[in-house]
Amino acid sequence: MIKIKKILFPTDFSRCANQALAHALHWTQRYGAEMHMLHAIVLHEEDPNNPLHHFPEMEEIVERLNESVEARMTADIQANDAVVLNVKKAQRRGISPATVILDYAQENDIDLIVMGTQGLRGLSHLLMGSVAEEVVRLARCPVFTIREKKDPQALEDLERILAPIDFSDHSKKSLSYAKEIAKHYSAKLQILHVIEENVHPAFYASGKTSIFELIPNIKDKSEQALKQLLTDAPGPQVAAEITVVEGRASQEIVKFGEKHGSDLVVIATHGLTGIEHLLIGSVTEKVVRMASCPVFTVKSFGKSLM
């Protein structure tokens, strides 16, 4: 059973963040948790040699921001007609929003971070990166991301929950989370395994470049393995359908979710950092960026909610 005592909701008061707030409030009420509402104050240091960078007293700016943020946080909660008994409002200064969020979560022993993501792509993503993706990669607790939508769906309406499985220990753990969430919403579980079709160059001498040529019955074996995994994974028994497809994992997960009306993706992240992350990226981060539905990211390290 999932246990959540503290939920962190970072906000910049954008439309994207306001959509995520509704989800944060729902999870807070559902689990009787304590919600921490956080605003990151990121101010560049004053350069005395550049007249364009001359600000009033820094502490005066921060004080004004604190007063404004406090009022805005209260107004946003009231706008959602939510009854949350335990809300802590905080403002923190830092060099970047992601750093502020990660430090606050660690210092306050947060169980779940709920935040919006604008789903930047192409050149915008290359230049600006994503606060949500950095938090997903480095946070030591699960992260629930909600992409901004023109017509957002209410969290109460979850009917189909997508659980991508790659047979790693991390994805087996995420399956247990998916089963618990599906049970709570009486939702159907969509278990998906993506087979990467291209084989390692070491097999090129055989003249075969597809895994399906090397192992003709790999799809059937994968389906059987998924059925066994569903039975063995801790968690309640829930209605589930199993699908095996071929292609690139992140693309196929997003494509499947859109085609089959998935309302939530529950996926594990391996927590790659440094040069390894730079070179191969992360399937989970790409799903967070591209998926139109919310994504619940289960960590391969750090805190467990079960």
Protein backbone atom coordinates (compact mmCIF):
# COMPACT_ATOMS: atom_id res chain seq x y z
CA MET A 1 0.00 0.00 0.00
CA ILE A 2 1.28 3.47 -0.93
CA LYS A 3 1.97 5.75 2.04
CA ILE A 4 2.47 9.48 1.53
CA LYS A 5 3.02 11.88 4.42
CA LYS A 6 4.57 14.91 2.72
CA ILE A 7 3.90 16.27 -0.78
CA LEU A 8 5.95 19.03 -2.38
CA PHE A 9 4.31 21.28 -4.97
CA PRO A 10 6.78 23.70 -6.62
CA THR A 11 5.08 26.63 -8.36
CA ASP A 12 6.01 29.59 -10.52
CA PHE A 13 2.32 30.62 -10.69
CA SER A 14 2.10 29.86 -14.40
CA ARG A 15 -0.92 28.25 -16.05
CA CYS A 16 1.09 25.05 -16.19
CA ALA A 17 1.74 25.12 -12.45
CA ASN A 18 -1.89 25.92 -11.67
CA GLN A 19 -3.01 22.82 -13.54
CA ALA A 20 -0.56 20.76 -11.51
CA LEU A 21 -1.88 22.29 -8.28
CA ALA A 22 -5.24 20.58 -8.71
CA HIS A 23 -3.44 17.23 -8.83
CA ALA A 24 -1.28 18.10 -5.82
CA LEU A 25 -4.34 19.01 -3.80
CA HIS A 26 -6.10 15.80 -4.82
CA TRP A 27 -3.18 13.61 -3.74
CA THR A 28 -2.81 15.60 -0.53
CA GLN A 29 -6.46 15.07 0.40
CA ARG A 30 -6.46 11.43 -0.72
CA TYR A 31 -3.57 10.49 1.58
CA GLY A 32 -4.16 13.01 4.35
CA ALA A 33 -0.69 14.35 3.66
CA GLU A 34 1.07 17.58 4.54
CA MET A 35 1.48 19.77 1.45
CA HIS A 36 4.52 22.00 1.01
CA MET A 37 3.96 24.79 -1.51
CA LEU A 38 7.33 26.08 -2.72
CA HIS A 39 8.35 29.05 -4.84
CA ALA A 40 11.96 29.33 -6.00
CA ILE A 41 13.44 32.82 -6.02
CA VAL A 42 16.28 32.94 -8.54
CA LEU A 43 18.04 36.31 -8.67
CA HIS A 44 21.35 36.98 -10.40
CA GLU A 45 23.99 38.58 -8.22
CA GLU A 46 24.51 42.28 -8.70
CA ASP A 47 27.43 43.30 -10.91
CA PRO A 48 28.72 46.69 -9.62
CA ASN A 49 30.49 47.34 -12.93
CA ASN A 50 27.36 47.02 -15.06
CA PRO A 51 24.74 49.77 -14.68
CA LEU A 52 22.12 47.50 -16.25
CA HIS A 53 22.52 45.13 -13.31
CA HIS A 54 22.01 47.73 -10.57
CA PHE A 55 19.11 46.63 -8.37
CA PRO A 56 17.61 48.11 -5.21
CA GLU A 57 18.69 46.43 -1.99
CA MET A 58 18.56 42.67 -2.54
CA GLU A 59 16.90 41.96 0.79
CA GLU A 60 14.19 44.49 0.00
CA ILE A 61 13.44 42.68 -3.28
CA VAL A 62 13.27 39.32 -1.52
CA GLU A 63 10.94 40.71 1.17
CA ARG A 64 8.56 42.05 -1.46
CA LEU A 65 8.63 38.74 -3.31
CA ASN A 66 7.90 36.84 -0.10
CA GLU A 67 4.83 38.94 0.61
CA SER A 68 3.55 38.59 -2.94
CA VAL A 69 4.21 34.84 -3.06
CA GLU A 70 2.42 34.19 0.24
CA ALA A 71 -0.71 35.96 -0.99
CA ARG A 72 -0.61 34.24 -4.38
CA MET A 73 -0.26 30.78 -2.83
CA THR A 74 -3.29 31.35 -0.62
CA ALA A 75 -5.34 32.64 -3.56
CA ASP A 76 -4.44 29.66 -5.77
CA ILE A 77 -5.53 27.15 -3.12
CA GLN A 78 -8.81 29.00 -2.55
CA ALA A 79 -9.44 29.09 -6.31
CA ASN A 80 -9.44 25.29 -6.34
CA ASP A 81 -12.14 25.10 -3.63
CA ALA A 82 -9.86 22.71 -1.78
CA VAL A 83 -9.95 21.90 1.89
CA VAL A 84 -6.37 21.15 2.88
CA LEU A 85 -5.77 21.27 6.61
CA ASN A 86 -1.99 21.18 6.60
CA VAL A 87 -0.23 23.45 4.10
CA LYS A 88 3.26 24.86 4.51
CA LYS A 89 4.22 27.76 2.26
CA ALA A 90 7.86 28.45 1.54
CA GLN A 91 10.09 30.61 -0.61
CA ARG A 92 13.73 29.71 -1.15
CA ARG A 93 16.56 31.45 -2.96
CA GLY A 94 18.93 29.52 -5.18
CA ILE A 95 20.95 29.40 -8.37
CA SER A 96 18.26 27.49 -10.28
CA PRO A 97 14.67 26.32 -9.71
CA ALA A 98 15.63 22.64 -9.91
CA THR A 99 18.36 23.05 -7.30
CA VAL A 100 15.95 24.80 -4.93
CA ILE A 101 13.34 22.07 -5.39
CA LEU A 102 15.79 19.20 -4.90
CA ASP A 103 17.42 20.75 -1.82
CA TYR A 104 14.05 21.51 -0.22
CA ALA A 105 12.77 17.99 -0.88
CA GLN A 106 15.85 16.47 0.72
CA GLU A 107 15.84 18.79 3.73
CA ASN A 108 12.14 18.21 4.46
CA ASP A 109 12.00 14.45 3.80
CA ILE A 110 9.40 14.84 1.02
CA ASP A 111 7.63 11.67 -0.14
CA LEU A 112 6.24 12.88 -3.47
CA ILE A 113 6.91 15.88 -5.71
CA VAL A 114 3.99 17.04 -7.86
CA MET A 115 4.87 19.58 -10.55
CA GLY A 116 3.96 20.85 -14.00
CA THR A 117 6.01 20.55 -17.15
CA GLN A 118 5.64 22.53 -20.36
CA GLY A 119 6.99 19.73 -22.54
CA LEU A 120 9.62 21.76 -24.39
CA ARG A 121 10.89 20.16 -27.59
CA GLY A 122 13.43 20.84 -30.29
CA LEU A 123 15.68 23.88 -30.04
CA SER A 124 13.83 25.30 -27.02
CA HIS A 125 14.51 22.15 -25.05
CA LEU A 126 18.13 21.98 -26.21
CA LEU A 127 18.81 25.55 -25.07
CA MET A 128 16.68 25.74 -21.93
CA GLY A 129 16.47 22.17 -20.71
CA SER A 130 13.66 21.28 -18.37
CA VAL A 131 13.32 21.86 -14.64
CA ALA A 132 10.93 18.91 -14.42
CA GLU A 133 13.33 16.54 -16.17
CA GLU A 134 16.20 17.52 -13.88
CA VAL A 135 14.00 16.94 -10.84
CA VAL A 136 12.81 13.60 -12.23
CA ARG A 137 16.42 12.51 -12.77
CA LEU A 138 17.87 13.60 -9.44
CA ALA A 139 15.08 13.64 -6.82
CA ARG A 140 15.30 10.85 -4.25
CA CYS A 141 11.53 10.41 -4.10
CA PRO A 142 8.85 9.68 -6.72
CA VAL A 143 7.86 12.59 -8.96
CA PHE A 144 4.42 13.21 -10.48
CA THR A 145 4.58 15.48 -13.55
CA ILE A 146 1.63 17.05 -15.34
CA ARG A 147 2.02 18.51 -18.79
CA GLU A 148 0.12 21.71 -19.50
CA LYS A 149 -3.01 21.08 -21.61
CA LYS A 150 -5.66 23.28 -23.13
CA ASP A 151 -8.40 21.19 -21.52
CA PRO A 152 -6.88 19.36 -18.53
CA GLN A 153 -8.47 16.12 -17.34
CA ALA A 154 -9.56 15.74 -13.74
CA LEU A 155 -7.42 13.30 -11.79
CA GLU A 156 -10.55 11.60 -10.49
CA ASP A 157 -11.32 10.36 -14.03
CA LEU A 158 -8.39 7.93 -14.36
CA GLU A 159 -9.58 4.83 -16.22
CA ARG A 160 -6.45 3.49 -17.91
CA ILE A 161 -2.99 3.41 -16.34
CA LEU A 162 0.00 2.61 -18.55
CA ALA A 163 2.92 0.72 -17.00
CA PRO A 164 5.93 0.33 -19.36
CA ILE A 165 8.07 -2.68 -18.38
CA ASP A 166 11.64 -3.45 -19.49
CA PHE A 167 12.08 -6.37 -17.03
CA SER A 168 14.63 -4.46 -14.95
CA ASP A 169 14.27 -4.51 -11.18
CA HIS A 170 13.29 -0.85 -11.41
CA SER A 171 10.36 -1.49 -13.74
CA LYS A 172 9.19 -4.41 -11.57
CA LYS A 173 9.01 -1.97 -8.66
CA SER A 174 7.05 0.54 -10.74
CA LEU A 175 4.54 -2.21 -11.61
CA SER A 176 3.65 -2.54 -7.93
CA TYR A 177 3.01 1.20 -7.75
CA ALA A 178 0.86 0.98 -10.89
CA LYS A 179 -1.21 -1.84 -9.38
CA GLU A 180 -1.84 0.15 -6.20
CA ILE A 181 -2.87 3.27 -8.13
CA ALA A 182 -5.07 1.25 -10.49
CA LYS A 183 -6.81 -0.36 -7.52
CA HIS A 184 -7.55 3.04 -5.96
CA TYR A 185 -9.15 4.39 -9.13
CA SER A 186 -10.74 1.10 -10.26
CA ALA A 187 -8.73 1.60 -13.43
CA LYS A 188 -7.48 -0.91 -15.99
CA LEU A 189 -3.74 -1.53 -16.12
CA GLN A 190 -2.05 -1.35 -19.52
CA ILE A 191 1.23 -3.27 -19.35
CA LEU A 192 3.55 -2.48 -22.24
CA HIS A 193 6.91 -3.92 -23.24
CA VAL A 194 8.86 -2.40 -26.12
CA ILE A 195 11.34 -4.62 -27.93
CA GLU A 196 14.21 -2.66 -29.46
CA GLU A 197 14.38 -4.18 -32.93
CA ASN A 198 17.99 -3.42 -33.90
CA VAL A 199 20.58 -5.91 -32.65
CA HIS A 200 24.12 -5.33 -31.40
CA PRO A 201 26.76 -4.96 -34.18
CA ALA A 202 28.43 -8.17 -32.91
CA PHE A 203 25.59 -10.10 -34.58
CA TYR A 204 25.96 -8.37 -37.96
CA ALA A 205 28.23 -11.18 -39.24
CA SER A 206 25.20 -13.46 -39.19
CA GLY A 207 23.50 -11.18 -41.71
CA LYS A 208 20.62 -10.56 -39.30
CA THR A 209 19.89 -7.02 -38.14
CA SER A 210 16.59 -7.62 -36.35
CA ILE A 211 16.05 -9.26 -32.98
CA PHE A 212 12.94 -10.86 -34.47
CA GLU A 213 15.12 -12.71 -36.97
CA LEU A 214 17.43 -13.96 -34.24
CA ILE A 215 14.60 -14.95 -31.88
CA PRO A 216 11.41 -15.52 -33.92
CA ASN A 217 9.21 -16.23 -30.89
CA ILE A 218 10.50 -13.37 -28.74
CA LYS A 219 7.11 -11.62 -28.73
CA ASP A 220 5.30 -14.69 -27.36
CA LYS A 221 8.00 -15.21 -24.73
CA SER A 222 7.78 -11.57 -23.70
CA GLU A 223 4.00 -11.79 -23.27
CA GLN A 224 4.35 -14.89 -21.09
CA ALA A 225 7.03 -13.21 -18.99
CA LEU A 226 4.81 -10.15 -18.51
CA LYS A 227 1.90 -12.32 -17.36
CA GLN A 228 4.15 -14.01 -14.82
CA LEU A 229 5.52 -10.66 -13.67
CA LEU A 230 2.01 -9.31 -13.18
CA THR A 231 1.20 -12.29 -10.95
CA ASP A 232 4.44 -12.09 -8.95
CA ALA A 233 4.63 -8.32 -8.43
CA PRO A 234 3.42 -7.21 -4.97
CA GLY A 235 0.13 -5.35 -4.93
CA PRO A 236 -3.58 -5.96 -5.40
CA GLN A 237 -5.09 -7.94 -8.25
CA VAL A 238 -6.37 -5.58 -10.94
CA ALA A 239 -7.74 -5.87 -14.46
CA ALA A 240 -4.87 -5.71 -16.93
CA GLU A 241 -4.08 -6.03 -20.62
CA ILE A 242 -0.64 -6.93 -21.95
CA THR A 243 0.92 -5.56 -25.12
CA VAL A 244 4.32 -6.15 -26.73
CA VAL A 245 5.47 -3.88 -29.57
CA GLU A 246 8.70 -3.20 -31.38
CA GLY A 247 10.47 0.13 -31.83
CA ARG A 248 12.16 2.83 -29.79
CA ALA A 249 11.01 2.71 -26.19
CA SER A 250 10.20 6.37 -25.51
CA GLN A 251 8.45 6.88 -28.83
CA GLU A 252 6.38 3.71 -28.56
CA ILE A 253 5.33 4.43 -24.97
CA VAL A 254 4.06 7.89 -25.91
CA LYS A 255 2.44 6.60 -29.09
CA PHE A 256 0.70 3.77 -27.23
CA GLY A 257 -0.59 6.15 -24.55
CA GLU A 258 -2.10 8.49 -27.11
CA LYS A 259 -3.61 5.73 -29.24
CA HIS A 260 -5.14 3.80 -26.33
CA GLY A 261 -6.26 6.72 -24.19
CA SER A 262 -3.92 6.24 -21.24
CA ASP A 263 -4.74 8.64 -18.39
CA LEU A 264 -1.49 8.16 -16.45
CA VAL A 265 1.94 6.62 -17.09
CA VAL A 266 3.70 4.93 -14.17
CA ILE A 267 7.35 4.42 -15.11
CA ALA A 268 10.71 3.81 -13.44
CA THR A 269 13.84 5.87 -13.95
CA HIS A 270 17.35 4.47 -13.61
CA GLY A 271 18.66 7.81 -12.35
CA LEU A 272 21.45 8.22 -14.90
CA THR A 273 23.86 11.10 -14.33
CA GLY A 274 27.06 12.50 -15.78
CA ILE A 275 28.49 11.35 -19.10
CA GLU A 276 26.25 8.26 -19.18
CA HIS A 277 23.14 10.45 -19.12
CA LEU A 278 24.63 12.89 -21.63
CA LEU A 279 25.34 10.14 -24.14
CA ILE A 280 22.25 7.94 -23.95
CA GLY A 281 19.68 10.18 -22.29
CA SER A 282 16.76 8.70 -20.42
CA VAL A 283 13.64 6.99 -21.72
CA THR A 284 11.73 8.25 -18.69
CA GLU A 285 12.74 11.88 -19.22
CA LYS A 286 11.67 11.69 -22.87
CA VAL A 287 8.31 10.26 -21.81
CA VAL A 288 7.93 13.04 -19.22
CA ARG A 289 8.63 15.59 -21.96
CA MET A 290 6.45 14.09 -24.71
CA ALA A 291 3.53 12.34 -23.01
CA SER A 292 0.25 14.24 -23.09
CA CYS A 293 -0.97 12.59 -19.88
CA PRO A 294 0.52 12.87 -16.36
CA VAL A 295 3.57 10.73 -15.54
CA PHE A 296 4.29 9.13 -12.14
CA THR A 297 8.02 8.44 -11.96
CA VAL A 298 9.28 5.76 -9.57
CA LYS A 299 12.91 6.11 -8.51
CA SER A 300 15.54 3.38 -8.71
CA PHE A 301 17.15 4.84 -5.58
CA GLY A 302 16.18 6.85 -2.52
CA LYS A 303 12.74 6.82 -0.92
CA SER A 304 10.07 4.15 -1.36
CA LEU A 305 6.40 4.83 -0.63
CA MET A 306 5.52 1.17 -0.15
